[in-house]
Amino acid sequence: MQRKDSQKIFEGQSVYVGIDYHKKSWKVSIYGEQYEHKTMSRDPDAEQLVRYL
């Protein structure tokens, strides 16, 4: 599977990922250096989260 990135919005920046984990779901927040990019609920699956990131 080949993936094409149309934007590199975090290029040259630090990215921080916070995970609030529970048995049935994870709440994931992604932050750039100056703003919150996204907060979402995910299934508790590490491989799926790595593919997303």
C-alpha atoms as a PDB file:
ATOM      1  CA  MET A   1       0.000   0.000   0.000  1.00  0.00           C
ATOM      2  CA  GLN A   2       1.456   3.323  -1.030  1.00  0.00           C
ATOM      3  CA  ARG A   3       0.465   6.483   0.778  1.00  0.00           C
ATOM      4  CA  LYS A   4       0.614   9.955  -0.692  1.00  0.00           C
ATOM      5  CA  ASP A   5       0.913  12.905   1.672  1.00  0.00           C
ATOM      6  CA  SER A   6      -0.510  16.040   0.111  1.00  0.00           C
ATOM      7  CA  GLN A   7       0.615  18.339   2.936  1.00  0.00           C
ATOM      8  CA  LYS A   8       3.528  18.296   5.332  1.00  0.00           C
ATOM      9  CA  ILE A   9       2.001  20.523   7.978  1.00  0.00           C
ATOM     10  CA  PHE A  10       4.364  19.388  10.756  1.00  0.00           C
ATOM     11  CA  GLU A  11       7.587  19.467   8.752  1.00  0.00           C
ATOM     12  CA  GLY A  12      10.400  20.903  10.889  1.00  0.00           C
ATOM     13  CA  GLN A  13       8.234  21.018  14.044  1.00  0.00           C
ATOM     14  CA  SER A  14       7.941  18.927  17.170  1.00  0.00           C
ATOM     15  CA  VAL A  15       4.733  16.904  17.445  1.00  0.00           C
ATOM     16  CA  TYR A  16       3.292  15.739  20.751  1.00  0.00           C
ATOM     17  CA  VAL A  17       0.750  12.942  21.186  1.00  0.00           C
ATOM     18  CA  GLY A  18      -1.214  12.461  24.410  1.00  0.00           C
ATOM     19  CA  ILE A  19      -3.170   9.267  25.058  1.00  0.00           C
ATOM     20  CA  ASP A  20      -5.832   8.838  27.741  1.00  0.00           C
ATOM     21  CA  TYR A  21      -6.343   5.096  27.684  1.00  0.00           C
ATOM     22  CA  HIS A  22      -9.116   2.898  29.011  1.00  0.00           C
ATOM     23  CA  LYS A  23     -10.086  -0.712  28.400  1.00  0.00           C
ATOM     24  CA  LYS A  24     -12.657   0.003  25.678  1.00  0.00           C
ATOM     25  CA  SER A  25     -11.376   3.200  24.030  1.00  0.00           C
ATOM     26  CA  TRP A  26      -8.480   5.640  23.821  1.00  0.00           C
ATOM     27  CA  LYS A  27      -8.742   9.414  23.609  1.00  0.00           C
ATOM     28  CA  VAL A  28      -5.835  10.695  21.519  1.00  0.00           C
ATOM     29  CA  SER A  29      -4.749  14.341  21.254  1.00  0.00           C
ATOM     30  CA  ILE A  30      -2.190  15.543  18.721  1.00  0.00           C
ATOM     31  CA  TYR A  31      -0.429  18.857  19.303  1.00  0.00           C
ATOM     32  CA  GLY A  32       1.930  20.924  17.190  1.00  0.00           C
ATOM     33  CA  GLU A  33       4.335  23.398  18.743  1.00  0.00           C
ATOM     34  CA  GLN A  34       1.774  26.215  18.916  1.00  0.00           C
ATOM     35  CA  TYR A  35      -1.671  24.640  18.668  1.00  0.00           C
ATOM     36  CA  GLU A  36      -3.828  21.567  19.187  1.00  0.00           C
ATOM     37  CA  HIS A  37      -4.201  19.779  15.868  1.00  0.00           C
ATOM     38  CA  LYS A  38      -6.822  17.153  16.699  1.00  0.00           C
ATOM     39  CA  THR A  39      -8.469  15.200  19.534  1.00  0.00           C
ATOM     40  CA  MET A  40     -10.278  11.951  18.749  1.00  0.00           C
ATOM     41  CA  SER A  41     -11.543   8.704  20.248  1.00  0.00           C
ATOM     42  CA  ARG A  42      -9.963   5.516  18.922  1.00  0.00           C
ATOM     43  CA  ASP A  43     -10.376   1.794  19.426  1.00  0.00           C
ATOM     44  CA  PRO A  44      -7.699   0.431  21.791  1.00  0.00           C
ATOM     45  CA  ASP A  45      -5.479  -0.894  19.000  1.00  0.00           C
ATOM     46  CA  ALA A  46      -1.820   0.199  18.983  1.00  0.00           C
ATOM     47  CA  GLU A  47      -1.147  -0.931  15.393  1.00  0.00           C
ATOM     48  CA  GLN A  48      -4.128   1.061  14.114  1.00  0.00           C
ATOM     49  CA  LEU A  49      -2.939   4.169  15.967  1.00  0.00           C
ATOM     50  CA  VAL A  50       0.605   3.833  14.580  1.00  0.00           C
ATOM     51  CA  ARG A  51      -0.778   3.562  11.024  1.00  0.00           C
ATOM     52  CA  TYR A  52      -2.841   6.698  11.598  1.00  0.00           C
ATOM     53  CA  LEU A  53       0.085   8.677  12.940  1.00  0.00           C
END
